Each structure stands twice: as C-alpha cells, then as structure tokens.
Amino acid sequence: MSHPMDPSAFSALLRTSLSNWTLQGKKGVWIKLPRHLIGLAETAVKEGFWFHHAEKDYLMLVYWIPKKTIRFLLMHLTVLVVQEKTGRTKGKGIWKFPTGVVNEGEYINDGSVREVKEETGPLSFEINAQESEIEAAQWMPWEEYTKQPFIQNHELLRYMTDICSAKTNGDYEGFTSLSVSEHDQQGNLYFNSHHLHPRH
C-alpha cells in the first residue's frame, strides 16, 4: 500500500481480493501500511486482519485464510456494474456488467478488458464512468446483483450467475479451452457444463 484510499473503497477492495485469493488457494495475506496510511488499519481489522508488528515507518497486518471461507466470501463478493444511457436497459434502473463488441481479430479476453476500461476506466478500484455511454457505475455486492428481477428472469444471465456462484462455492471447475482453427486463423472455444448442477 502506498497511495491514499477511501476507507469504504478499501473495505470493498479487501473483500473482493480476499475472495480471489481464497479461490487461488492462498493461505495468508500480509498488508504493509506506511505511516501516512495508518488510518486504513481500522478498516483492515474490521475485515478480519490483525496486527502482526509495527516499525517506526509502517504497520504490518496479517490475515490467515480459513479453509471454509468461500461461501462466506461469496456473500461479500463485490462486482463492477453499470447503468447504460442507451440500449434496451436505458432508464430501467438495471445494473449490468460492462459490455461491448469485440473488434475484428481481437481475443475475447482482450476485448473484455478494453470494454471495461473504456466504460468505467478502473485501472484501480476507482471508477471513472464514460459520460457518453454510461449513466452510472458502482461496485455492488454479488448477491444484490444476482437478485435483480432482470437477472432472475433472463435465462442466459441467470445461467451465467449460476456458473459464477458454483465456481465460487467450489462446485464448478470452469471453462475448458479448446484450440480451434479455420484457414490461417487460430482461436479458442470455451465450454464446459459438466460440473454445473442443473437448476431445480
């Protein structure tokens, strides 16, 4: 940590990061807070960190990730969502993921990153919404996002949120990348529904 951050943004960032670190199998996390950011220590402690040691120029905090925290972290997972100024969701109060069109010859993961940067500018946890296309942008708790009627009533979006929830709960191993080619072009196809339990 080296740059100042709003405590509420820091708290949301910690929750999201802890969820990611848990899914990656990390066992522990260390945060080194320099003296000028010592005010963030209270936020870290509220998220489960504790003091390890202090020196004259910094405070070291630590968090050991329990093995059974994935379900808890899913409840606190935060996602980036937007409300659009155009399209069929305009003016309906619907929060959705940033979306867009992949450019010719662009891989889907590169296109996804580009669109998120274009619409929300988050090179960090700070959001700078694109004024021409985005009405509003914010970080939203995962459960709040998934409970929107628009998500629940849309088969594809509901399927996608089921996959994400199953992945976080450890019930889904994710997509398998299949290499495909046509003429001189190489690409990848991603698909795997084997570990996704059907809805009841």
N, C-alpha and C. Protein backbone atom coordinates (compact mmCIF):
# COMPACT_ATOMS: atom_id res chain seq x y z
N MET A 1 0.84 -1.18 0.00
CA MET A 1 0.00 0.00 0.00
C MET A 1 0.89 1.24 0.00
N SER A 2 0.61 2.14 -0.92
CA SER A 2 1.39 3.38 -0.95
C SER A 2 0.54 4.61 -1.22
N HIS A 3 -0.65 4.43 -1.87
CA HIS A 3 -1.49 5.57 -2.21
C HIS A 3 -2.71 5.66 -1.30
N PRO A 4 -3.14 6.88 -0.96
CA PRO A 4 -4.34 7.04 -0.13
C PRO A 4 -5.57 6.42 -0.78
N MET A 5 -6.49 5.93 0.05
CA MET A 5 -7.71 5.31 -0.46
C MET A 5 -8.83 5.56 0.54
N ASP A 6 -10.03 5.78 0.03
CA ASP A 6 -11.20 5.95 0.88
C ASP A 6 -11.44 4.65 1.65
N PRO A 7 -11.72 4.72 2.97
CA PRO A 7 -11.91 3.51 3.77
C PRO A 7 -12.98 2.57 3.23
N SER A 8 -14.09 3.11 2.72
CA SER A 8 -15.16 2.23 2.22
C SER A 8 -14.71 1.52 0.94
N ALA A 9 -13.96 2.22 0.07
CA ALA A 9 -13.43 1.59 -1.14
C ALA A 9 -12.39 0.54 -0.77
N PHE A 10 -11.57 0.84 0.26
CA PHE A 10 -10.56 -0.10 0.72
C PHE A 10 -11.22 -1.36 1.27
N SER A 11 -12.32 -1.19 2.00
CA SER A 11 -13.05 -2.32 2.57
C SER A 11 -13.60 -3.22 1.46
N ALA A 12 -14.22 -2.62 0.45
CA ALA A 12 -14.76 -3.40 -0.67
C ALA A 12 -13.65 -4.09 -1.45
N LEU A 13 -12.52 -3.40 -1.62
CA LEU A 13 -11.39 -3.98 -2.32
C LEU A 13 -10.83 -5.18 -1.55
N LEU A 14 -10.74 -5.06 -0.23
CA LEU A 14 -10.26 -6.17 0.58
C LEU A 14 -11.17 -7.39 0.45
N ARG A 15 -12.48 -7.17 0.50
CA ARG A 15 -13.43 -8.28 0.40
C ARG A 15 -13.29 -9.00 -0.95
N THR A 16 -13.23 -8.22 -2.03
CA THR A 16 -13.07 -8.80 -3.35
C THR A 16 -11.75 -9.54 -3.47
N SER A 17 -10.69 -8.91 -2.97
CA SER A 17 -9.37 -9.52 -3.05
C SER A 17 -9.30 -10.81 -2.24
N LEU A 18 -9.88 -10.80 -1.03
CA LEU A 18 -9.88 -12.00 -0.20
C LEU A 18 -10.61 -13.14 -0.89
N SER A 19 -11.69 -12.82 -1.59
CA SER A 19 -12.42 -13.84 -2.33
C SER A 19 -11.54 -14.43 -3.42
N ASN A 20 -10.86 -13.55 -4.17
CA ASN A 20 -9.98 -14.02 -5.24
C ASN A 20 -8.82 -14.83 -4.68
N TRP A 21 -8.20 -14.37 -3.61
CA TRP A 21 -7.06 -15.06 -3.03
C TRP A 21 -7.48 -16.44 -2.49
N THR A 22 -8.69 -16.51 -1.94
CA THR A 22 -9.18 -17.78 -1.43
C THR A 22 -9.35 -18.78 -2.57
N LEU A 23 -9.96 -18.30 -3.68
CA LEU A 23 -10.16 -19.17 -4.84
C LEU A 23 -8.83 -19.61 -5.45
N GLN A 24 -7.80 -18.78 -5.30
CA GLN A 24 -6.47 -19.11 -5.81
C GLN A 24 -5.71 -20.04 -4.87
N GLY A 25 -6.29 -20.34 -3.70
CA GLY A 25 -5.65 -21.24 -2.76
C GLY A 25 -4.61 -20.60 -1.86
N LYS A 26 -4.63 -19.26 -1.78
CA LYS A 26 -3.69 -18.58 -0.89
C LYS A 26 -3.98 -18.94 0.55
N LYS A 27 -2.95 -19.00 1.37
CA LYS A 27 -3.11 -19.36 2.78
C LYS A 27 -3.11 -18.14 3.70
N GLY A 28 -2.37 -17.12 3.32
CA GLY A 28 -2.29 -15.93 4.17
C GLY A 28 -1.99 -14.69 3.36
N VAL A 29 -2.35 -13.54 3.93
CA VAL A 29 -2.17 -12.25 3.27
C VAL A 29 -1.51 -11.29 4.25
N TRP A 30 -0.54 -10.52 3.76
CA TRP A 30 0.13 -9.51 4.55
C TRP A 30 -0.11 -8.14 3.93
N ILE A 31 -0.42 -7.17 4.76
CA ILE A 31 -0.57 -5.79 4.28
C ILE A 31 0.42 -4.92 5.05
N LYS A 32 1.25 -4.21 4.32
CA LYS A 32 2.21 -3.29 4.91
C LYS A 32 1.69 -1.87 4.71
N LEU A 33 1.22 -1.26 5.80
CA LEU A 33 0.68 0.10 5.74
C LEU A 33 1.75 1.10 6.17
N PRO A 34 2.17 2.00 5.27
CA PRO A 34 3.11 3.03 5.69
C PRO A 34 2.44 4.00 6.65
N ARG A 35 3.24 4.74 7.36
CA ARG A 35 2.73 5.63 8.41
C ARG A 35 1.61 6.56 7.91
N HIS A 36 1.74 7.10 6.71
CA HIS A 36 0.74 8.06 6.22
C HIS A 36 -0.61 7.40 5.86
N LEU A 37 -0.67 6.05 5.87
CA LEU A 37 -1.93 5.35 5.59
C LEU A 37 -2.44 4.58 6.81
N ILE A 38 -1.92 4.90 7.96
CA ILE A 38 -2.25 4.15 9.18
C ILE A 38 -3.75 4.19 9.50
N GLY A 39 -4.45 5.20 8.98
CA GLY A 39 -5.90 5.30 9.20
C GLY A 39 -6.68 4.15 8.59
N LEU A 40 -6.09 3.44 7.62
CA LEU A 40 -6.77 2.30 6.99
C LEU A 40 -6.69 1.03 7.82
N ALA A 41 -5.88 1.06 8.88
CA ALA A 41 -5.72 -0.13 9.73
C ALA A 41 -7.05 -0.55 10.34
N GLU A 42 -7.85 0.42 10.78
CA GLU A 42 -9.14 0.09 11.39
C GLU A 42 -10.04 -0.66 10.41
N THR A 43 -10.03 -0.22 9.14
CA THR A 43 -10.83 -0.89 8.11
C THR A 43 -10.36 -2.32 7.91
N ALA A 44 -9.04 -2.52 7.86
CA ALA A 44 -8.48 -3.86 7.67
C ALA A 44 -8.85 -4.78 8.83
N VAL A 45 -8.79 -4.24 10.05
CA VAL A 45 -9.13 -5.04 11.24
C VAL A 45 -10.60 -5.46 11.19
N LYS A 46 -11.48 -4.56 10.73
CA LYS A 46 -12.90 -4.91 10.62
C LYS A 46 -13.14 -6.02 9.59
N GLU A 47 -12.22 -6.15 8.62
CA GLU A 47 -12.34 -7.20 7.60
C GLU A 47 -11.64 -8.49 8.01
N GLY A 48 -11.11 -8.54 9.25
CA GLY A 48 -10.53 -9.78 9.75
C GLY A 48 -9.02 -9.80 9.89
N PHE A 49 -8.33 -8.73 9.48
CA PHE A 49 -6.89 -8.66 9.64
C PHE A 49 -6.54 -8.35 11.09
N TRP A 50 -5.33 -8.69 11.53
CA TRP A 50 -4.87 -8.30 12.86
C TRP A 50 -3.43 -7.83 12.78
N PHE A 51 -3.04 -7.10 13.81
CA PHE A 51 -1.70 -6.53 13.85
C PHE A 51 -0.65 -7.62 14.03
N HIS A 52 0.37 -7.60 13.22
CA HIS A 52 1.47 -8.53 13.36
C HIS A 52 2.65 -7.86 14.05
N HIS A 53 3.09 -6.74 13.50
CA HIS A 53 4.14 -5.96 14.15
C HIS A 53 4.15 -4.55 13.58
N ALA A 54 4.84 -3.68 14.27
CA ALA A 54 4.95 -2.29 13.85
C ALA A 54 6.40 -1.84 13.92
N GLU A 55 6.78 -1.02 12.98
CA GLU A 55 8.08 -0.35 12.98
C GLU A 55 7.82 1.14 12.96
N LYS A 56 8.86 1.93 12.99
CA LYS A 56 8.64 3.39 13.07
C LYS A 56 8.00 3.94 11.80
N ASP A 57 8.17 3.26 10.65
CA ASP A 57 7.64 3.77 9.39
C ASP A 57 6.43 3.02 8.84
N TYR A 58 6.07 1.89 9.45
CA TYR A 58 4.95 1.13 8.90
C TYR A 58 4.32 0.22 9.96
N LEU A 59 3.12 -0.26 9.60
CA LEU A 59 2.40 -1.24 10.41
C LEU A 59 2.13 -2.46 9.52
N MET A 60 2.43 -3.64 10.02
CA MET A 60 2.21 -4.87 9.25
C MET A 60 0.98 -5.59 9.80
N LEU A 61 0.03 -5.89 8.91
CA LEU A 61 -1.17 -6.64 9.29
C LEU A 61 -1.18 -7.96 8.56
N VAL A 62 -1.86 -8.95 9.12
CA VAL A 62 -1.89 -10.28 8.53
C VAL A 62 -3.29 -10.87 8.61
N TYR A 63 -3.58 -11.75 7.66
CA TYR A 63 -4.86 -12.47 7.64
C TYR A 63 -4.59 -13.89 7.16
N TRP A 64 -4.88 -14.87 8.00
CA TRP A 64 -4.76 -16.28 7.60
C TRP A 64 -6.11 -16.72 7.09
N ILE A 65 -6.14 -17.23 5.87
CA ILE A 65 -7.41 -17.57 5.22
C ILE A 65 -7.88 -18.95 5.68
N PRO A 66 -9.02 -18.99 6.41
CA PRO A 66 -9.56 -20.29 6.84
C PRO A 66 -9.98 -21.11 5.62
N LYS A 67 -10.00 -22.42 5.75
CA LYS A 67 -10.33 -23.30 4.63
C LYS A 67 -11.79 -23.21 4.23
N LYS A 68 -12.67 -22.84 5.15
CA LYS A 68 -14.10 -22.87 4.87
C LYS A 68 -14.68 -21.46 4.73
N THR A 69 -13.99 -20.58 4.02
CA THR A 69 -14.48 -19.20 3.90
C THR A 69 -15.11 -18.89 2.56
N ILE A 70 -15.10 -19.82 1.61
CA ILE A 70 -15.57 -19.48 0.27
C ILE A 70 -17.04 -19.07 0.26
N ARG A 71 -17.89 -19.83 0.93
CA ARG A 71 -19.31 -19.47 0.95
C ARG A 71 -19.53 -18.13 1.62
N PHE A 72 -18.79 -17.86 2.70
CA PHE A 72 -18.91 -16.57 3.38
C PHE A 72 -18.46 -15.44 2.45
N LEU A 73 -17.35 -15.65 1.74
CA LEU A 73 -16.82 -14.61 0.87
C LEU A 73 -17.74 -14.34 -0.30
N LEU A 74 -18.46 -15.35 -0.79
CA LEU A 74 -19.40 -15.13 -1.88
C LEU A 74 -20.45 -14.11 -1.47
N MET A 75 -20.88 -14.17 -0.21
CA MET A 75 -21.87 -13.21 0.26
C MET A 75 -21.32 -11.80 0.26
N HIS A 76 -20.00 -11.65 0.33
CA HIS A 76 -19.37 -10.34 0.40
C HIS A 76 -18.63 -9.97 -0.88
N LEU A 77 -18.75 -10.79 -1.93
CA LEU A 77 -18.10 -10.52 -3.19
C LEU A 77 -18.71 -9.28 -3.82
N THR A 78 -17.87 -8.42 -4.36
CA THR A 78 -18.32 -7.18 -4.97
C THR A 78 -17.98 -7.20 -6.45
N VAL A 79 -18.94 -6.76 -7.29
CA VAL A 79 -18.72 -6.74 -8.74
C VAL A 79 -18.95 -5.33 -9.29
N LEU A 80 -18.30 -5.06 -10.41
CA LEU A 80 -18.42 -3.77 -11.07
C LEU A 80 -19.62 -3.80 -12.00
N VAL A 81 -20.55 -2.86 -11.82
CA VAL A 81 -21.77 -2.83 -12.63
C VAL A 81 -22.02 -1.42 -13.15
N VAL A 82 -22.80 -1.34 -14.23
CA VAL A 82 -23.12 -0.05 -14.84
C VAL A 82 -24.60 0.01 -15.20
N GLN A 83 -25.09 1.25 -15.35
CA GLN A 83 -26.39 1.52 -15.95
C GLN A 83 -26.11 2.29 -17.23
N GLU A 84 -26.68 1.83 -18.35
CA GLU A 84 -26.36 2.42 -19.64
C GLU A 84 -27.31 3.55 -20.03
N LYS A 85 -26.79 4.49 -20.83
CA LYS A 85 -27.59 5.60 -21.34
C LYS A 85 -28.35 5.24 -22.61
N THR A 86 -27.94 4.13 -23.24
CA THR A 86 -28.58 3.71 -24.49
C THR A 86 -28.94 2.23 -24.40
N GLY A 87 -29.64 1.76 -25.42
CA GLY A 87 -29.97 0.34 -25.47
C GLY A 87 -31.25 0.00 -24.74
N ARG A 88 -31.54 -1.29 -24.66
CA ARG A 88 -32.83 -1.72 -24.11
C ARG A 88 -32.92 -1.62 -22.59
N THR A 89 -31.80 -1.44 -21.90
CA THR A 89 -31.85 -1.28 -20.43
C THR A 89 -31.89 0.18 -20.00
N LYS A 90 -31.82 1.10 -20.97
CA LYS A 90 -31.80 2.54 -20.67
C LYS A 90 -33.01 2.96 -19.83
N GLY A 91 -32.73 3.68 -18.75
CA GLY A 91 -33.80 4.25 -17.93
C GLY A 91 -34.60 3.26 -17.10
N LYS A 92 -34.18 2.01 -17.01
CA LYS A 92 -34.94 0.99 -16.29
C LYS A 92 -34.35 0.66 -14.92
N GLY A 93 -33.27 1.34 -14.55
CA GLY A 93 -32.66 1.09 -13.24
C GLY A 93 -31.97 -0.26 -13.13
N ILE A 94 -31.58 -0.83 -14.27
CA ILE A 94 -30.95 -2.15 -14.30
C ILE A 94 -29.44 -2.00 -14.22
N TRP A 95 -28.85 -2.72 -13.27
CA TRP A 95 -27.40 -2.75 -13.14
C TRP A 95 -26.89 -3.99 -13.87
N LYS A 96 -25.93 -3.82 -14.76
CA LYS A 96 -25.39 -4.91 -15.55
C LYS A 96 -23.88 -4.79 -15.63
N PHE A 97 -23.23 -5.86 -16.08
CA PHE A 97 -21.79 -5.81 -16.28
C PHE A 97 -21.48 -4.93 -17.49
N PRO A 98 -20.34 -4.27 -17.50
CA PRO A 98 -19.94 -3.53 -18.70
C PRO A 98 -19.85 -4.50 -19.88
N THR A 99 -20.39 -4.09 -21.01
CA THR A 99 -20.39 -4.96 -22.19
C THR A 99 -19.97 -4.17 -23.42
N GLY A 100 -19.76 -4.88 -24.51
CA GLY A 100 -19.40 -4.22 -25.76
C GLY A 100 -19.14 -5.25 -26.83
N VAL A 101 -18.56 -4.79 -27.93
CA VAL A 101 -18.31 -5.63 -29.08
C VAL A 101 -16.81 -5.88 -29.21
N VAL A 102 -16.47 -7.12 -29.48
CA VAL A 102 -15.07 -7.48 -29.70
C VAL A 102 -14.68 -7.02 -31.10
N ASN A 103 -13.53 -6.38 -31.22
CA ASN A 103 -13.04 -5.93 -32.52
C ASN A 103 -12.58 -7.10 -33.37
N GLU A 104 -12.57 -6.92 -34.67
CA GLU A 104 -12.12 -7.97 -35.58
C GLU A 104 -10.68 -8.37 -35.24
N GLY A 105 -10.47 -9.69 -35.06
CA GLY A 105 -9.15 -10.20 -34.75
C GLY A 105 -8.75 -10.08 -33.28
N GLU A 106 -9.64 -9.56 -32.45
CA GLU A 106 -9.34 -9.36 -31.03
C GLU A 106 -9.83 -10.56 -30.22
N TYR A 107 -9.00 -11.07 -29.31
CA TYR A 107 -9.42 -12.16 -28.45
C TYR A 107 -10.46 -11.66 -27.46
N ILE A 108 -11.37 -12.54 -27.07
CA ILE A 108 -12.49 -12.12 -26.21
C ILE A 108 -12.01 -11.57 -24.86
N ASN A 109 -10.94 -12.16 -24.29
CA ASN A 109 -10.47 -11.64 -23.01
C ASN A 109 -9.88 -10.24 -23.16
N ASP A 110 -9.17 -9.97 -24.29
CA ASP A 110 -8.63 -8.63 -24.53
C ASP A 110 -9.77 -7.63 -24.76
N GLY A 111 -10.78 -8.06 -25.50
CA GLY A 111 -11.93 -7.20 -25.74
C GLY A 111 -12.69 -6.87 -24.47
N SER A 112 -12.80 -7.85 -23.59
CA SER A 112 -13.49 -7.64 -22.31
C SER A 112 -12.77 -6.59 -21.47
N VAL A 113 -11.45 -6.74 -21.37
CA VAL A 113 -10.66 -5.78 -20.60
C VAL A 113 -10.77 -4.38 -21.22
N ARG A 114 -10.67 -4.29 -22.53
CA ARG A 114 -10.76 -3.00 -23.22
C ARG A 114 -12.10 -2.33 -22.96
N GLU A 115 -13.20 -3.08 -23.07
CA GLU A 115 -14.54 -2.51 -22.87
C GLU A 115 -14.73 -2.01 -21.43
N VAL A 116 -14.24 -2.77 -20.45
CA VAL A 116 -14.36 -2.34 -19.05
C VAL A 116 -13.59 -1.04 -18.84
N LYS A 117 -12.38 -0.96 -19.40
CA LYS A 117 -11.59 0.27 -19.26
C LYS A 117 -12.27 1.44 -19.96
N GLU A 118 -12.84 1.20 -21.15
CA GLU A 118 -13.50 2.27 -21.89
C GLU A 118 -14.72 2.80 -21.14
N GLU A 119 -15.52 1.90 -20.58
CA GLU A 119 -16.77 2.30 -19.95
C GLU A 119 -16.62 2.80 -18.52
N THR A 120 -15.63 2.28 -17.79
CA THR A 120 -15.52 2.64 -16.37
C THR A 120 -14.14 3.14 -15.97
N GLY A 121 -13.16 3.01 -16.83
CA GLY A 121 -11.81 3.50 -16.53
C GLY A 121 -11.16 2.93 -15.29
N PRO A 122 -11.56 1.75 -14.75
CA PRO A 122 -10.96 1.29 -13.48
C PRO A 122 -9.61 0.61 -13.65
N LEU A 123 -8.58 1.39 -13.73
CA LEU A 123 -7.24 0.84 -13.68
C LEU A 123 -6.89 0.53 -12.23
N SER A 124 -7.71 1.03 -11.33
CA SER A 124 -7.60 0.73 -9.91
C SER A 124 -9.04 0.50 -9.43
N PHE A 125 -9.29 0.63 -8.14
CA PHE A 125 -10.64 0.42 -7.62
C PHE A 125 -11.53 1.64 -7.88
N GLU A 126 -10.91 2.75 -8.30
CA GLU A 126 -11.65 3.98 -8.58
C GLU A 126 -12.36 3.88 -9.91
N ILE A 127 -13.60 4.39 -9.99
CA ILE A 127 -14.40 4.31 -11.20
C ILE A 127 -14.49 5.69 -11.84
N ASN A 128 -14.26 5.75 -13.15
CA ASN A 128 -14.44 6.97 -13.93
C ASN A 128 -15.35 6.61 -15.11
N ALA A 129 -16.65 6.78 -14.91
CA ALA A 129 -17.63 6.35 -15.91
C ALA A 129 -17.52 7.15 -17.20
N GLN A 130 -17.64 6.46 -18.33
CA GLN A 130 -17.63 7.09 -19.64
C GLN A 130 -18.95 7.85 -19.82
N GLU A 131 -18.89 9.17 -19.93
CA GLU A 131 -20.10 10.00 -19.93
C GLU A 131 -21.00 9.77 -21.13
N SER A 132 -20.43 9.41 -22.27
CA SER A 132 -21.25 9.27 -23.48
C SER A 132 -22.15 8.03 -23.45
N GLU A 133 -21.73 6.97 -22.76
CA GLU A 133 -22.49 5.72 -22.78
C GLU A 133 -23.04 5.28 -21.43
N ILE A 134 -22.42 5.71 -20.33
CA ILE A 134 -22.75 5.18 -19.01
C ILE A 134 -23.46 6.22 -18.14
N GLU A 135 -24.64 5.84 -17.68
CA GLU A 135 -25.42 6.71 -16.78
C GLU A 135 -24.84 6.69 -15.37
N ALA A 136 -24.47 5.51 -14.90
CA ALA A 136 -23.91 5.36 -13.55
C ALA A 136 -23.07 4.08 -13.50
N ALA A 137 -22.11 4.06 -12.59
CA ALA A 137 -21.27 2.88 -12.40
C ALA A 137 -20.93 2.77 -10.92
N GLN A 138 -20.87 1.55 -10.41
CA GLN A 138 -20.56 1.35 -9.00
C GLN A 138 -20.11 -0.08 -8.74
N TRP A 139 -19.57 -0.30 -7.54
CA TRP A 139 -19.28 -1.65 -7.05
C TRP A 139 -20.51 -2.10 -6.29
N MET A 140 -20.97 -3.32 -6.55
CA MET A 140 -22.21 -3.83 -5.95
C MET A 140 -21.96 -5.21 -5.37
N PRO A 141 -22.55 -5.49 -4.19
CA PRO A 141 -22.44 -6.85 -3.65
C PRO A 141 -23.03 -7.87 -4.63
N TRP A 142 -22.35 -9.00 -4.77
CA TRP A 142 -22.75 -10.04 -5.72
C TRP A 142 -24.20 -10.47 -5.52
N GLU A 143 -24.59 -10.69 -4.28
CA GLU A 143 -25.95 -11.18 -4.03
C GLU A 143 -27.00 -10.15 -4.45
N GLU A 144 -26.69 -8.86 -4.26
CA GLU A 144 -27.62 -7.81 -4.69
C GLU A 144 -27.74 -7.81 -6.21
N TYR A 145 -26.63 -7.99 -6.90
CA TYR A 145 -26.65 -8.05 -8.36
C TYR A 145 -27.50 -9.23 -8.85
N THR A 146 -27.27 -10.41 -8.28
CA THR A 146 -27.97 -11.61 -8.77
C THR A 146 -29.47 -11.60 -8.46
N LYS A 147 -29.89 -10.85 -7.47
CA LYS A 147 -31.31 -10.82 -7.08
C LYS A 147 -32.16 -9.87 -7.92
N GLN A 148 -31.53 -9.11 -8.80
CA GLN A 148 -32.31 -8.20 -9.65
C GLN A 148 -33.29 -9.01 -10.50
N PRO A 149 -34.54 -8.57 -10.60
CA PRO A 149 -35.51 -9.29 -11.44
C PRO A 149 -35.03 -9.48 -12.88
N PHE A 150 -34.33 -8.49 -13.41
CA PHE A 150 -33.81 -8.59 -14.78
C PHE A 150 -32.88 -9.80 -14.93
N ILE A 151 -32.06 -10.05 -13.92
CA ILE A 151 -31.14 -11.19 -13.96
C ILE A 151 -31.90 -12.50 -13.78
N GLN A 152 -32.80 -12.54 -12.79
CA GLN A 152 -33.54 -13.75 -12.49
C GLN A 152 -34.47 -14.18 -13.63
N ASN A 153 -34.98 -13.21 -14.39
CA ASN A 153 -35.93 -13.52 -15.46
C ASN A 153 -35.28 -13.70 -16.83
N HIS A 154 -33.97 -13.55 -16.90
CA HIS A 154 -33.25 -13.68 -18.17
C HIS A 154 -32.45 -14.98 -18.12
N GLU A 155 -32.83 -15.95 -18.97
CA GLU A 155 -32.25 -17.29 -18.87
C GLU A 155 -30.73 -17.32 -18.97
N LEU A 156 -30.16 -16.60 -19.94
CA LEU A 156 -28.71 -16.62 -20.11
C LEU A 156 -27.99 -15.96 -18.93
N LEU A 157 -28.49 -14.82 -18.48
CA LEU A 157 -27.85 -14.13 -17.36
C LEU A 157 -27.95 -14.95 -16.08
N ARG A 158 -29.09 -15.58 -15.87
CA ARG A 158 -29.26 -16.43 -14.69
C ARG A 158 -28.30 -17.62 -14.76
N TYR A 159 -28.13 -18.18 -15.95
CA TYR A 159 -27.20 -19.29 -16.15
C TYR A 159 -25.77 -18.85 -15.83
N MET A 160 -25.40 -17.64 -16.29
CA MET A 160 -24.06 -17.11 -16.04
C MET A 160 -23.83 -16.89 -14.54
N THR A 161 -24.81 -16.36 -13.83
CA THR A 161 -24.64 -16.14 -12.40
C THR A 161 -24.59 -17.46 -11.64
N ASP A 162 -25.31 -18.47 -12.15
CA ASP A 162 -25.23 -19.80 -11.54
C ASP A 162 -23.82 -20.36 -11.67
N ILE A 163 -23.21 -20.17 -12.85
CA ILE A 163 -21.85 -20.64 -13.07
C ILE A 163 -20.88 -19.95 -12.10
N CYS A 164 -21.01 -18.63 -11.98
CA CYS A 164 -20.12 -17.87 -11.09
C CYS A 164 -20.29 -18.30 -9.64
N SER A 165 -21.53 -18.48 -9.22
CA SER A 165 -21.78 -18.92 -7.84
C SER A 165 -21.24 -20.32 -7.60
N ALA A 166 -21.44 -21.21 -8.57
CA ALA A 166 -20.94 -22.58 -8.43
C ALA A 166 -19.43 -22.59 -8.39
N LYS A 167 -18.80 -21.74 -9.20
CA LYS A 167 -17.34 -21.66 -9.21
C LYS A 167 -16.83 -21.19 -7.85
N THR A 168 -17.45 -20.20 -7.30
CA THR A 168 -17.02 -19.66 -6.00
C THR A 168 -17.24 -20.67 -4.89
N ASN A 169 -18.30 -21.48 -5.01
CA ASN A 169 -18.58 -22.49 -3.99
C ASN A 169 -17.72 -23.74 -4.16
N GLY A 170 -16.91 -23.77 -5.20
CA GLY A 170 -16.05 -24.93 -5.44
C GLY A 170 -16.78 -26.07 -6.13
N ASP A 171 -17.98 -25.81 -6.68
CA ASP A 171 -18.78 -26.85 -7.33
C ASP A 171 -18.61 -26.87 -8.85
N TYR A 172 -17.75 -26.02 -9.38
CA TYR A 172 -17.60 -25.89 -10.81
C TYR A 172 -16.14 -25.60 -11.14
N GLU A 173 -15.57 -26.33 -12.07
CA GLU A 173 -14.15 -26.18 -12.36
C GLU A 173 -13.86 -25.15 -13.44
N GLY A 174 -14.87 -24.58 -14.05
CA GLY A 174 -14.63 -23.54 -15.04
C GLY A 174 -14.64 -24.05 -16.46
N PHE A 175 -14.31 -23.16 -17.35
CA PHE A 175 -14.34 -23.48 -18.77
C PHE A 175 -13.07 -24.19 -19.22
N THR A 176 -13.22 -25.07 -20.18
CA THR A 176 -12.09 -25.73 -20.81
C THR A 176 -11.80 -25.01 -22.13
N SER A 177 -10.54 -24.69 -22.36
CA SER A 177 -10.15 -24.01 -23.58
C SER A 177 -9.84 -25.04 -24.66
N LEU A 178 -10.58 -24.99 -25.76
CA LEU A 178 -10.36 -25.89 -26.89
C LEU A 178 -9.79 -25.07 -28.04
N SER A 179 -8.63 -25.47 -28.51
CA SER A 179 -7.99 -24.76 -29.62
C SER A 179 -8.71 -25.08 -30.92
N VAL A 180 -9.09 -24.05 -31.66
CA VAL A 180 -9.76 -24.24 -32.95
C VAL A 180 -9.06 -23.39 -33.99
N SER A 181 -9.16 -23.81 -35.24
CA SER A 181 -8.55 -23.03 -36.31
C SER A 181 -9.38 -23.15 -37.58
N GLU A 182 -9.34 -22.08 -38.35
CA GLU A 182 -10.01 -22.08 -39.64
C GLU A 182 -9.12 -21.30 -40.60
N HIS A 183 -8.77 -21.92 -41.70
CA HIS A 183 -7.83 -21.33 -42.65
C HIS A 183 -6.53 -21.01 -41.92
N ASP A 184 -6.14 -19.76 -41.88
CA ASP A 184 -4.88 -19.38 -41.22
C ASP A 184 -5.12 -18.77 -39.84
N GLN A 185 -6.35 -18.79 -39.36
CA GLN A 185 -6.65 -18.15 -38.09
C GLN A 185 -6.76 -19.18 -36.98
N GLN A 186 -6.15 -18.85 -35.84
CA GLN A 186 -6.17 -19.72 -34.66
C GLN A 186 -7.00 -19.03 -33.58
N GLY A 187 -7.79 -19.81 -32.85
CA GLY A 187 -8.59 -19.23 -31.77
C GLY A 187 -8.88 -20.28 -30.72
N ASN A 188 -9.74 -19.90 -29.78
CA ASN A 188 -10.11 -20.81 -28.70
C ASN A 188 -11.62 -20.82 -28.51
N LEU A 189 -12.14 -22.00 -28.19
CA LEU A 189 -13.55 -22.17 -27.86
C LEU A 189 -13.61 -22.56 -26.40
N TYR A 190 -14.46 -21.90 -25.62
CA TYR A 190 -14.55 -22.16 -24.19
C TYR A 190 -15.92 -22.73 -23.87
N PHE A 191 -15.94 -23.96 -23.32
CA PHE A 191 -17.22 -24.54 -22.94
C PHE A 191 -17.02 -25.69 -21.96
N ASN A 192 -17.87 -25.76 -20.96
CA ASN A 192 -17.85 -26.88 -20.03
C ASN A 192 -19.05 -26.75 -19.10
N SER A 193 -20.03 -27.63 -19.26
CA SER A 193 -21.19 -27.61 -18.37
C SER A 193 -21.21 -28.84 -17.48
N HIS A 194 -20.15 -29.64 -17.52
CA HIS A 194 -20.12 -30.93 -16.80
C HIS A 194 -20.31 -30.75 -15.30
N HIS A 195 -19.70 -29.73 -14.71
CA HIS A 195 -19.74 -29.58 -13.25
C HIS A 195 -20.82 -28.63 -12.76
N LEU A 196 -21.62 -28.10 -13.66
CA LEU A 196 -22.68 -27.18 -13.26
C LEU A 196 -23.95 -27.97 -13.00
N HIS A 197 -24.43 -27.91 -11.76
CA HIS A 197 -25.63 -28.67 -11.40
C HIS A 197 -26.85 -28.00 -11.99
N PRO A 198 -27.81 -28.76 -12.52
CA PRO A 198 -29.00 -28.16 -13.11
C PRO A 198 -29.85 -27.48 -12.04
N ARG A 199 -30.57 -26.44 -12.47
CA ARG A 199 -31.48 -25.72 -11.55
C ARG A 199 -32.69 -26.60 -11.25
N HIS A 200 -33.19 -26.49 -10.03
CA HIS A 200 -34.37 -27.27 -9.64
C HIS A 200 -35.54 -26.32 -9.44
